[in-house]
């Protein structure tokens, strides 16, 4: 993978990390891979500038929407387990 990333960068291709993981997980991964630029985190809910170490965009569910979704999910599947970051 490192060789493929290096070849892509050497060829002038932008490399953007995109993951469902949060920024706190992406920072050390990007550093280990020697990547900068932008990362797409939390399935697109956060956009992060790795070089500036700054959040540049965020789209979160508001409390009312999240509560309604969780209520409907629990009503349909009472044994469901939910984890949020």
Protein backbone atom coordinates (compact mmCIF):
# COMPACT_ATOMS: atom_id res chain seq x y z
CA UNK A 1 0.00 0.00 0.00
CA UNK A 2 2.78 2.44 0.84
CA UNK A 3 4.36 1.85 -2.58
CA UNK A 4 1.02 2.49 -4.30
CA UNK A 5 0.53 5.71 -2.34
CA UNK A 6 4.05 6.85 -3.16
CA UNK A 7 3.54 6.05 -6.85
CA UNK A 8 0.24 7.95 -6.93
CA UNK A 9 1.79 11.02 -5.32
CA UNK A 10 4.86 10.81 -7.57
CA UNK A 11 2.50 10.72 -10.54
CA UNK A 12 0.82 13.90 -9.37
CA UNK A 13 -2.40 12.24 -8.21
CA UNK A 14 -4.03 13.66 -5.12
CA UNK A 15 -4.44 11.15 -2.30
CA UNK A 16 -7.38 11.79 0.01
CA UNK A 17 -8.10 9.62 3.02
CA UNK A 18 -11.81 8.81 3.25
CA UNK A 19 -13.16 6.77 6.15
CA UNK A 20 -16.00 6.35 8.59
CA UNK A 21 -13.49 6.79 11.42
CA UNK A 22 -13.13 10.06 13.38
CA UNK A 23 -10.34 12.60 13.01
CA UNK A 24 -8.56 11.31 16.13
CA UNK A 25 -8.00 7.99 14.30
CA UNK A 26 -7.15 9.57 10.93
CA UNK A 27 -4.43 11.95 12.22
CA UNK A 28 -1.94 9.24 13.27
CA UNK A 29 -2.73 7.11 10.21
CA UNK A 30 -2.05 10.03 7.87
CA UNK A 31 1.17 10.86 9.73
CA UNK A 32 2.32 7.24 9.52
CA UNK A 33 1.63 7.21 5.77
CA UNK A 34 3.21 10.62 5.24
CA UNK A 35 -0.03 12.07 3.88
CA UNK A 36 -1.24 15.64 4.09
CA UNK A 37 -4.00 17.53 2.40
CA UNK A 38 -7.60 16.80 3.21
CA UNK A 39 -9.27 13.83 4.84
CA UNK A 40 -12.94 12.90 4.77
CA UNK A 41 -13.95 11.50 8.16
CA UNK A 42 -17.04 10.05 9.82
CA UNK A 43 -18.47 8.92 6.50
CA UNK A 44 -18.37 12.45 5.11
CA UNK A 45 -19.72 14.21 8.18
CA UNK A 46 -16.34 15.87 8.80
CA UNK A 47 -13.75 17.31 6.43
CA UNK A 48 -10.33 17.81 7.94
CA UNK A 49 -7.22 19.65 6.72
CA UNK A 50 -4.31 17.46 7.81
CA UNK A 51 -1.68 20.10 7.05
CA UNK A 52 -3.39 22.83 9.09
CA UNK A 53 -4.63 20.33 11.71
CA UNK A 54 -8.04 21.96 11.42
CA UNK A 55 -11.62 20.94 10.88
CA UNK A 56 -12.79 22.64 7.67
CA UNK A 57 -16.35 21.35 7.52
CA UNK A 58 -18.84 19.40 9.55
CA UNK A 59 -22.41 18.19 9.03
CA UNK A 60 -23.94 16.59 12.11
CA UNK A 61 -27.45 15.43 12.85
CA UNK A 62 -29.28 17.83 15.13
CA UNK A 63 -30.44 16.45 18.48
CA UNK A 64 -34.12 16.19 17.51
CA UNK A 65 -33.37 14.25 14.32
CA UNK A 66 -30.95 11.89 16.06
CA UNK A 67 -33.47 11.27 18.85
CA UNK A 68 -36.25 10.53 16.34
CA UNK A 69 -34.06 8.14 14.34
CA UNK A 70 -32.93 6.28 17.45
CA UNK A 71 -36.52 6.08 18.74
CA UNK A 72 -37.75 4.59 15.47
CA UNK A 73 -34.83 2.17 15.36
CA UNK A 74 -35.44 1.00 18.91
CA UNK A 75 -39.19 0.64 18.27
CA UNK A 76 -38.51 -1.57 15.26
CA UNK A 77 -35.61 -3.48 16.84
CA UNK A 78 -35.83 -3.36 20.67
CA UNK A 79 -32.56 -5.28 21.15
CA UNK A 80 -30.50 -3.00 18.93
CA UNK A 81 -27.22 -1.66 20.28
CA UNK A 82 -26.16 1.83 19.22
CA UNK A 83 -22.68 3.31 19.46
CA UNK A 84 -21.88 6.91 18.60
CA UNK A 85 -18.69 8.94 18.50
